[in-house]
Each structure stands twice: as structure tokens, then as C-alpha cells.
Amino acid sequence: MSDNQLHNRKPWLFKPGQSGNPLGRPKGKTMKEFAREFLMSMNDEEKIAFMNSVGGDVVWRMAEGNPHQETDIMSGGKPIYIPSELIPKNDLPQSTKPDSE
């Protein structure tokens, strides 16, 4: 099957060389940049009051970053069942039923 045929069957795919965001990121600060500047502008007393208001787990994640997540805690490593009515007919695999346990 050629690339052109593949894209005709899956019209939601971008064509080769087509950008998903042709205008690029909007100008101005992102929320992350804004929040960083806001927090950096606080004096020590304001920072302590803020940390007391958000809770220890949030402060920890802010200091250390979120833990790296490579595992899927919901499926236990088993394939996730997707109802066939949610999959376009051309993309249905041979079997759409979950494995019996």
C-alpha cells in the first residue's frame, strides 16, 4: 500500500511535510514561565506562606520534579481493550475482544 493510499484511508493523519501547528507557539509567556517568575519574585516570608498553603507533597514535587513514570498502573501490562465502535472500521484489528483471564 502506498503512502498516498494510507493517508486516504486515515484522513486525520498529517500529510508528509505538513505541520500540525503551522502558526507555531503563541507569542508571550507560557503559564510555566509566568509561574516561575511570580514565585521567584516572592520574598522568603511569602514563599514560606505559599509552601504552607499548598501542602508537602506539592512542595516536594516542585523541588524534586514529578517522579518518572514508565509503567501503566491501570492495566498491569496487559493490552487495554478499546470498544470497536470507537475505532474506525478500516483500523480494526483481527480480534477486538479482551483476553479472558
C-alpha atoms as a PDB file:
ATOM      1  CA  MET A   1       0.000   0.000   0.000  1.00  0.00           C
ATOM      2  CA  SER A   2       1.433   3.365  -0.971  1.00  0.00           C
ATOM      3  CA  ASP A   3       1.749   6.315   1.406  1.00  0.00           C
ATOM      4  CA  ASN A   4      -0.950   8.149  -0.548  1.00  0.00           C
ATOM      5  CA  GLN A   5      -3.398   5.259  -0.121  1.00  0.00           C
ATOM      6  CA  LEU A   6      -2.588   5.081   3.587  1.00  0.00           C
ATOM      7  CA  HIS A   7      -3.383   8.787   4.031  1.00  0.00           C
ATOM      8  CA  ASN A   8      -6.606   8.448   2.060  1.00  0.00           C
ATOM      9  CA  ARG A   9      -7.725   5.702   4.477  1.00  0.00           C
ATOM     10  CA  LYS A  10      -6.699   7.746   7.523  1.00  0.00           C
ATOM     11  CA  PRO A  11      -7.645  11.378   6.787  1.00  0.00           C
ATOM     12  CA  TRP A  12      -6.753  12.503  10.340  1.00  0.00           C
ATOM     13  CA  LEU A  13      -3.037  11.806   9.699  1.00  0.00           C
ATOM     14  CA  PHE A  14      -0.889  14.716   8.601  1.00  0.00           C
ATOM     15  CA  LYS A  15       0.473  14.532   5.085  1.00  0.00           C
ATOM     16  CA  PRO A  16       4.272  14.274   4.750  1.00  0.00           C
ATOM     17  CA  GLY A  17       5.757  17.741   5.281  1.00  0.00           C
ATOM     18  CA  GLN A  18       2.514  19.116   6.779  1.00  0.00           C
ATOM     19  CA  SER A  19       2.835  20.749  10.196  1.00  0.00           C
ATOM     20  CA  GLY A  20       0.375  20.064  12.977  1.00  0.00           C
ATOM     21  CA  ASN A  21       0.857  23.617  14.224  1.00  0.00           C
ATOM     22  CA  PRO A  22       1.633  25.874  11.246  1.00  0.00           C
ATOM     23  CA  LEU A  23       1.495  29.115  13.267  1.00  0.00           C
ATOM     24  CA  GLY A  24       3.799  27.842  15.998  1.00  0.00           C
ATOM     25  CA  ARG A  25       3.534  28.542  19.703  1.00  0.00           C
ATOM     26  CA  PRO A  26       1.624  31.720  20.585  1.00  0.00           C
ATOM     27  CA  LYS A  27       3.763  34.737  21.457  1.00  0.00           C
ATOM     28  CA  GLY A  28       4.180  35.709  25.082  1.00  0.00           C
ATOM     29  CA  LYS A  29       4.910  33.874  28.303  1.00  0.00           C
ATOM     30  CA  THR A  30       3.747  30.359  28.945  1.00  0.00           C
ATOM     31  CA  MET A  31       1.982  29.613  32.222  1.00  0.00           C
ATOM     32  CA  LYS A  32       5.124  27.815  33.390  1.00  0.00           C
ATOM     33  CA  GLU A  33       7.276  30.883  32.659  1.00  0.00           C
ATOM     34  CA  PHE A  34       4.737  33.175  34.345  1.00  0.00           C
ATOM     35  CA  ALA A  35       4.521  30.959  37.455  1.00  0.00           C
ATOM     36  CA  ARG A  36       8.322  30.673  37.682  1.00  0.00           C
ATOM     37  CA  GLU A  37       8.768  34.457  37.507  1.00  0.00           C
ATOM     38  CA  PHE A  38       5.944  35.026  40.020  1.00  0.00           C
ATOM     39  CA  LEU A  39       7.417  32.581  42.534  1.00  0.00           C
ATOM     40  CA  MET A  40      10.946  33.925  42.031  1.00  0.00           C
ATOM     41  CA  SER A  41       9.732  37.461  42.771  1.00  0.00           C
ATOM     42  CA  MET A  42       8.394  36.477  46.243  1.00  0.00           C
ATOM     43  CA  ASN A  43      10.381  37.283  49.350  1.00  0.00           C
ATOM     44  CA  ASP A  44      11.217  34.477  51.808  1.00  0.00           C
ATOM     45  CA  GLU A  45       8.189  35.096  54.043  1.00  0.00           C
ATOM     46  CA  GLU A  46       5.818  34.961  51.054  1.00  0.00           C
ATOM     47  CA  LYS A  47       7.462  31.744  49.837  1.00  0.00           C
ATOM     48  CA  ILE A  48       7.038  30.105  53.260  1.00  0.00           C
ATOM     49  CA  ALA A  49       3.370  31.133  53.406  1.00  0.00           C
ATOM     50  CA  PHE A  50       2.832  29.754  49.890  1.00  0.00           C
ATOM     51  CA  MET A  51       4.543  26.429  50.722  1.00  0.00           C
ATOM     52  CA  ASN A  52       2.412  26.092  53.869  1.00  0.00           C
ATOM     53  CA  SER A  53      -0.748  26.648  51.800  1.00  0.00           C
ATOM     54  CA  VAL A  54      -0.114  24.015  49.087  1.00  0.00           C
ATOM     55  CA  GLY A  55       0.949  21.001  51.137  1.00  0.00           C
ATOM     56  CA  GLY A  56       4.111  18.977  51.499  1.00  0.00           C
ATOM     57  CA  ASP A  57       3.617  16.657  48.512  1.00  0.00           C
ATOM     58  CA  VAL A  58       3.270  19.607  46.108  1.00  0.00           C
ATOM     59  CA  VAL A  59       6.329  21.321  47.592  1.00  0.00           C
ATOM     60  CA  TRP A  60       8.291  18.068  47.196  1.00  0.00           C
ATOM     61  CA  ARG A  61       7.296  17.720  43.527  1.00  0.00           C
ATOM     62  CA  MET A  62       8.179  21.364  42.915  1.00  0.00           C
ATOM     63  CA  ALA A  63      11.620  20.816  44.431  1.00  0.00           C
ATOM     64  CA  GLU A  64      12.396  17.366  43.001  1.00  0.00           C
ATOM     65  CA  GLY A  65      10.192  17.225  39.911  1.00  0.00           C
ATOM     66  CA  ASN A  66       7.498  14.627  39.304  1.00  0.00           C
ATOM     67  CA  PRO A  67       8.731  11.038  39.512  1.00  0.00           C
ATOM     68  CA  HIS A  68       9.472   9.379  36.174  1.00  0.00           C
ATOM     69  CA  GLN A  69       6.547   7.198  35.079  1.00  0.00           C
ATOM     70  CA  GLU A  70       7.210   4.375  32.628  1.00  0.00           C
ATOM     71  CA  THR A  71       4.577   1.938  33.789  1.00  0.00           C
ATOM     72  CA  ASP A  72       0.874   1.718  33.168  1.00  0.00           C
ATOM     73  CA  ILE A  73      -0.652   1.340  36.603  1.00  0.00           C
ATOM     74  CA  MET A  74      -4.137   0.689  35.251  1.00  0.00           C
ATOM     75  CA  SER A  75      -3.689  -2.342  33.008  1.00  0.00           C
ATOM     76  CA  GLY A  76      -0.894  -4.168  34.810  1.00  0.00           C
ATOM     77  CA  GLY A  77       0.947  -4.521  31.496  1.00  0.00           C
ATOM     78  CA  LYS A  78      -1.979  -6.242  29.736  1.00  0.00           C
ATOM     79  CA  PRO A  79      -3.391  -4.870  26.466  1.00  0.00           C
ATOM     80  CA  ILE A  80      -6.105  -2.286  27.040  1.00  0.00           C
ATOM     81  CA  TYR A  81      -9.481  -3.143  25.494  1.00  0.00           C
ATOM     82  CA  ILE A  82     -10.895  -0.425  23.233  1.00  0.00           C
ATOM     83  CA  PRO A  83     -14.523  -0.931  22.157  1.00  0.00           C
ATOM     84  CA  SER A  84     -14.730  -1.493  18.409  1.00  0.00           C
ATOM     85  CA  GLU A  85     -17.274   1.312  17.969  1.00  0.00           C
ATOM     86  CA  LEU A  86     -14.531   3.787  18.930  1.00  0.00           C
ATOM     87  CA  ILE A  87     -12.135   2.540  16.239  1.00  0.00           C
ATOM     88  CA  PRO A  88     -12.620   3.488  12.562  1.00  0.00           C
ATOM     89  CA  LYS A  89     -13.676   0.365  10.640  1.00  0.00           C
ATOM     90  CA  ASN A  90     -10.546   0.334   8.453  1.00  0.00           C
ATOM     91  CA  ASP A  91      -8.333   0.181  11.539  1.00  0.00           C
ATOM     92  CA  LEU A  92      -9.994  -2.734  13.338  1.00  0.00           C
ATOM     93  CA  PRO A  93      -7.537  -5.459  14.317  1.00  0.00           C
ATOM     94  CA  GLN A  94      -8.413  -9.103  13.744  1.00  0.00           C
ATOM     95  CA  SER A  95      -9.565  -9.505  17.356  1.00  0.00           C
ATOM     96  CA  THR A  96     -11.120  -6.660  19.348  1.00  0.00           C
ATOM     97  CA  LYS A  97     -12.163  -8.671  22.391  1.00  0.00           C
ATOM     98  CA  PRO A  98     -10.103  -8.645  25.613  1.00  0.00           C
ATOM     99  CA  ASP A  99      -8.223 -11.783  26.581  1.00  0.00           C
ATOM    100  CA  SER A 100     -10.114 -13.963  29.001  1.00  0.00           C
ATOM    101  CA  GLU A 101      -8.393 -14.492  32.299  1.00  0.00           C
END
